[in-house]
Amino acid sequence: MPKQNKQAGQAGMNQANQAQNTATEFASETNVSEVRRQNQQSAAQSASQQSASQATEFASETNAAEVRRQNQQSAAQSTARQSGGQATE
């Protein structure tokens, strides 16, 4: 009888070990899945931030071009006024 008890005890331990291994494997796969999800989310956020940064950079360049155009227009008007004023003097 003691031999049967020992074998039954070992079989129970084997089942417990298999259950533990299965649980560990499932947790590991779940962690891999979660890490993959987080990486995809991080990549999407990075792409979104880059896109926003590029839009801001484009807006800045557009604003600089507009300011340059206005300055040239203002300088041309100022020159025209000065030329006009000198012609009447």
N, C-alpha and C. Protein backbone atom coordinates (compact mmCIF):
# COMPACT_ATOMS: atom_id res chain seq x y z
N MET A 1 0.81 -1.20 0.00
CA MET A 1 0.00 0.00 0.00
C MET A 1 0.85 1.27 0.00
N PRO A 2 1.96 1.31 0.74
CA PRO A 2 2.76 2.53 0.72
C PRO A 2 3.27 2.86 -0.67
N LYS A 3 3.58 1.80 -1.47
CA LYS A 3 4.07 2.05 -2.82
C LYS A 3 2.98 2.71 -3.67
N GLN A 4 1.76 2.28 -3.51
CA GLN A 4 0.66 2.87 -4.26
C GLN A 4 0.44 4.32 -3.85
N ASN A 5 0.54 4.60 -2.56
CA ASN A 5 0.39 5.97 -2.07
C ASN A 5 1.48 6.88 -2.64
N LYS A 6 2.69 6.32 -2.70
CA LYS A 6 3.81 7.11 -3.23
C LYS A 6 3.58 7.42 -4.70
N GLN A 7 3.14 6.42 -5.45
CA GLN A 7 2.87 6.61 -6.88
C GLN A 7 1.71 7.60 -7.08
N ALA A 8 0.70 7.49 -6.26
CA ALA A 8 -0.44 8.40 -6.36
C ALA A 8 0.01 9.82 -6.03
N GLY A 9 0.89 9.92 -5.04
CA GLY A 9 1.42 11.23 -4.67
C GLY A 9 2.25 11.83 -5.80
N GLN A 10 3.05 11.01 -6.44
CA GLN A 10 3.87 11.48 -7.57
C GLN A 10 2.99 11.88 -8.75
N ALA A 11 1.96 11.09 -8.99
CA ALA A 11 1.05 11.41 -10.10
C ALA A 11 0.37 12.75 -9.81
N GLY A 12 -0.01 12.97 -8.58
CA GLY A 12 -0.63 14.24 -8.20
C GLY A 12 0.34 15.39 -8.37
N MET A 13 1.58 15.18 -7.99
CA MET A 13 2.59 16.23 -8.15
C MET A 13 2.85 16.50 -9.63
N ASN A 14 2.89 15.42 -10.44
CA ASN A 14 3.09 15.61 -11.88
C ASN A 14 1.97 16.44 -12.47
N GLN A 15 0.73 16.14 -12.06
CA GLN A 15 -0.40 16.92 -12.56
C GLN A 15 -0.31 18.38 -12.11
N ALA A 16 0.09 18.57 -10.87
CA ALA A 16 0.23 19.94 -10.35
C ALA A 16 1.32 20.67 -11.11
N ASN A 17 2.44 19.98 -11.38
CA ASN A 17 3.54 20.60 -12.13
C ASN A 17 3.10 20.93 -13.55
N GLN A 18 2.35 20.02 -14.18
CA GLN A 18 1.87 20.28 -15.53
C GLN A 18 0.92 21.48 -15.54
N ALA A 19 0.06 21.54 -14.55
CA ALA A 19 -0.87 22.68 -14.46
C ALA A 19 -0.10 23.97 -14.27
N GLN A 20 0.94 23.93 -13.42
CA GLN A 20 1.76 25.12 -13.19
C GLN A 20 2.49 25.53 -14.46
N ASN A 21 3.02 24.54 -15.19
CA ASN A 21 3.72 24.83 -16.45
C ASN A 21 2.76 25.43 -17.47
N THR A 22 1.56 24.89 -17.53
CA THR A 22 0.56 25.41 -18.46
C THR A 22 0.21 26.84 -18.10
N ALA A 23 0.01 27.09 -16.81
CA ALA A 23 -0.32 28.45 -16.36
C ALA A 23 0.83 29.40 -16.66
N THR A 24 2.05 28.96 -16.43
CA THR A 24 3.22 29.81 -16.70
C THR A 24 3.34 30.09 -18.20
N GLU A 25 3.10 29.05 -19.01
CA GLU A 25 3.17 29.23 -20.47
C GLU A 25 2.09 30.19 -20.94
N PHE A 26 0.88 30.06 -20.39
CA PHE A 26 -0.20 30.96 -20.76
C PHE A 26 0.14 32.40 -20.36
N ALA A 27 0.67 32.56 -19.14
CA ALA A 27 1.05 33.90 -18.68
C ALA A 27 2.14 34.48 -19.57
N SER A 28 3.08 33.65 -19.97
CA SER A 28 4.17 34.11 -20.83
C SER A 28 3.61 34.56 -22.19
N GLU A 29 2.70 33.76 -22.75
CA GLU A 29 2.09 34.13 -24.03
C GLU A 29 1.26 35.40 -23.89
N THR A 30 0.58 35.53 -22.76
CA THR A 30 -0.21 36.73 -22.50
C THR A 30 0.70 37.94 -22.41
N ASN A 31 1.84 37.79 -21.74
CA ASN A 31 2.79 38.89 -21.62
C ASN A 31 3.34 39.28 -22.98
N VAL A 32 3.65 38.30 -23.81
CA VAL A 32 4.16 38.58 -25.15
C VAL A 32 3.10 39.35 -25.94
N SER A 33 1.86 38.90 -25.82
CA SER A 33 0.77 39.56 -26.52
C SER A 33 0.61 41.00 -26.02
N GLU A 34 0.71 41.19 -24.72
CA GLU A 34 0.56 42.54 -24.14
C GLU A 34 1.73 43.44 -24.56
N VAL A 35 2.92 42.90 -24.56
CA VAL A 35 4.09 43.67 -25.00
C VAL A 35 3.93 44.07 -26.46
N ARG A 36 3.46 43.14 -27.28
CA ARG A 36 3.25 43.43 -28.70
C ARG A 36 2.22 44.55 -28.87
N ARG A 37 1.13 44.48 -28.08
CA ARG A 37 0.07 45.50 -28.15
C ARG A 37 0.64 46.86 -27.74
N GLN A 38 1.41 46.86 -26.67
CA GLN A 38 1.99 48.12 -26.20
C GLN A 38 2.97 48.69 -27.22
N ASN A 39 3.74 47.83 -27.86
CA ASN A 39 4.68 48.29 -28.89
C ASN A 39 3.94 48.90 -30.07
N GLN A 40 2.83 48.26 -30.47
CA GLN A 40 2.05 48.80 -31.58
C GLN A 40 1.43 50.14 -31.20
N GLN A 41 0.96 50.23 -29.96
CA GLN A 41 0.37 51.49 -29.48
C GLN A 41 1.43 52.59 -29.44
N SER A 42 2.61 52.24 -28.96
CA SER A 42 3.70 53.21 -28.89
C SER A 42 4.11 53.67 -30.29
N ALA A 43 4.18 52.73 -31.22
CA ALA A 43 4.54 53.09 -32.60
C ALA A 43 3.49 54.01 -33.21
N ALA A 44 2.22 53.72 -32.93
CA ALA A 44 1.15 54.57 -33.46
C ALA A 44 1.23 55.98 -32.87
N GLN A 45 1.50 56.06 -31.57
CA GLN A 45 1.62 57.37 -30.93
C GLN A 45 2.81 58.13 -31.49
N SER A 46 3.91 57.44 -31.70
CA SER A 46 5.11 58.08 -32.24
C SER A 46 4.83 58.61 -33.64
N ALA A 47 4.14 57.81 -34.46
CA ALA A 47 3.80 58.25 -35.81
C ALA A 47 2.88 59.46 -35.77
N SER A 48 1.96 59.44 -34.82
CA SER A 48 1.02 60.56 -34.69
C SER A 48 1.77 61.83 -34.27
N GLN A 49 2.70 61.68 -33.34
CA GLN A 49 3.47 62.84 -32.89
C GLN A 49 4.36 63.37 -34.00
N GLN A 50 4.95 62.46 -34.78
CA GLN A 50 5.78 62.90 -35.91
C GLN A 50 4.95 63.65 -36.92
N SER A 51 3.75 63.13 -37.17
CA SER A 51 2.86 63.78 -38.13
C SER A 51 2.49 65.18 -37.65
N ALA A 52 2.17 65.30 -36.36
CA ALA A 52 1.83 66.61 -35.79
C ALA A 52 3.03 67.54 -35.84
N SER A 53 4.22 66.99 -35.57
CA SER A 53 5.44 67.79 -35.61
C SER A 53 5.70 68.29 -37.02
N GLN A 54 5.49 67.42 -38.01
CA GLN A 54 5.69 67.83 -39.39
C GLN A 54 4.68 68.88 -39.80
N ALA A 55 3.44 68.74 -39.31
CA ALA A 55 2.42 69.75 -39.62
C ALA A 55 2.80 71.08 -39.01
N THR A 56 3.31 71.06 -37.78
CA THR A 56 3.73 72.29 -37.11
C THR A 56 4.90 72.92 -37.85
N GLU A 57 5.84 72.06 -38.28
CA GLU A 57 7.00 72.56 -39.03
C GLU A 57 6.55 73.19 -40.35
N PHE A 58 5.60 72.54 -41.03
CA PHE A 58 5.08 73.08 -42.29
C PHE A 58 4.39 74.42 -42.04
N ALA A 59 3.60 74.49 -40.95
CA ALA A 59 2.91 75.75 -40.62
C ALA A 59 3.93 76.84 -40.32
N SER A 60 5.00 76.50 -39.62
CA SER A 60 6.04 77.48 -39.31
C SER A 60 6.70 77.99 -40.58
N GLU A 61 6.99 77.07 -41.50
CA GLU A 61 7.61 77.47 -42.77
C GLU A 61 6.65 78.34 -43.57
N THR A 62 5.37 77.97 -43.54
CA THR A 62 4.36 78.76 -44.26
C THR A 62 4.26 80.14 -43.65
N ASN A 63 4.25 80.21 -42.31
CA ASN A 63 4.19 81.51 -41.64
C ASN A 63 5.42 82.35 -41.96
N ALA A 64 6.59 81.73 -41.99
CA ALA A 64 7.82 82.47 -42.31
C ALA A 64 7.75 83.02 -43.73
N ALA A 65 7.24 82.20 -44.65
CA ALA A 65 7.11 82.66 -46.04
C ALA A 65 6.11 83.81 -46.13
N GLU A 66 5.03 83.71 -45.39
CA GLU A 66 4.02 84.78 -45.40
C GLU A 66 4.59 86.07 -44.81
N VAL A 67 5.32 85.96 -43.72
CA VAL A 67 5.94 87.14 -43.11
C VAL A 67 6.94 87.77 -44.08
N ARG A 68 7.73 86.93 -44.75
CA ARG A 68 8.69 87.42 -45.74
C ARG A 68 7.97 88.17 -46.86
N ARG A 69 6.86 87.59 -47.35
CA ARG A 69 6.09 88.22 -48.42
C ARG A 69 5.54 89.56 -47.97
N GLN A 70 5.02 89.60 -46.73
CA GLN A 70 4.46 90.85 -46.22
C GLN A 70 5.55 91.91 -46.04
N ASN A 71 6.72 91.47 -45.58
CA ASN A 71 7.83 92.41 -45.42
C ASN A 71 8.26 92.99 -46.76
N GLN A 72 8.31 92.13 -47.78
CA GLN A 72 8.69 92.62 -49.11
C GLN A 72 7.64 93.59 -49.64
N GLN A 73 6.38 93.25 -49.40
CA GLN A 73 5.30 94.13 -49.85
C GLN A 73 5.37 95.47 -49.13
N SER A 74 5.61 95.42 -47.83
CA SER A 74 5.71 96.65 -47.04
C SER A 74 6.90 97.49 -47.48
N ALA A 75 8.03 96.82 -47.74
CA ALA A 75 9.21 97.54 -48.20
C ALA A 75 8.95 98.17 -49.56
N ALA A 76 8.25 97.45 -50.43
CA ALA A 76 7.95 98.00 -51.76
C ALA A 76 7.03 99.20 -51.63
N GLN A 77 6.04 99.12 -50.74
CA GLN A 77 5.13 100.25 -50.54
C GLN A 77 5.87 101.44 -49.95
N SER A 78 6.75 101.16 -49.01
CA SER A 78 7.52 102.23 -48.38
C SER A 78 8.42 102.92 -49.42
N THR A 79 9.05 102.12 -50.27
CA THR A 79 9.91 102.67 -51.32
C THR A 79 9.07 103.49 -52.30
N ALA A 80 7.90 103.01 -52.61
CA ALA A 80 7.02 103.73 -53.55
C ALA A 80 6.58 105.06 -52.94
N ARG A 81 6.30 105.04 -51.63
CA ARG A 81 5.89 106.30 -50.97
C ARG A 81 7.05 107.29 -50.96
N GLN A 82 8.25 106.76 -50.65
CA GLN A 82 9.40 107.65 -50.61
C GLN A 82 9.70 108.20 -52.00
N SER A 83 9.59 107.38 -52.99
CA SER A 83 9.81 107.84 -54.37
C SER A 83 8.76 108.84 -54.78
N GLY A 84 7.54 108.59 -54.40
CA GLY A 84 6.46 109.50 -54.71
C GLY A 84 6.62 110.83 -53.99
N GLY A 85 7.07 110.78 -52.78
CA GLY A 85 7.28 112.01 -52.00
C GLY A 85 8.41 112.83 -52.56
N GLN A 86 9.44 112.18 -53.03
CA GLN A 86 10.58 112.90 -53.59
C GLN A 86 10.22 113.53 -54.92
N ALA A 87 9.35 112.89 -55.66
CA ALA A 87 8.99 113.40 -56.97
C ALA A 87 8.17 114.70 -56.83
N THR A 88 7.43 114.84 -55.74
CA THR A 88 6.61 116.04 -55.59
C THR A 88 7.37 117.18 -54.96
N GLU A 89 8.50 116.89 -54.40
CA GLU A 89 9.24 117.96 -53.69
C GLU A 89 9.87 118.93 -54.61
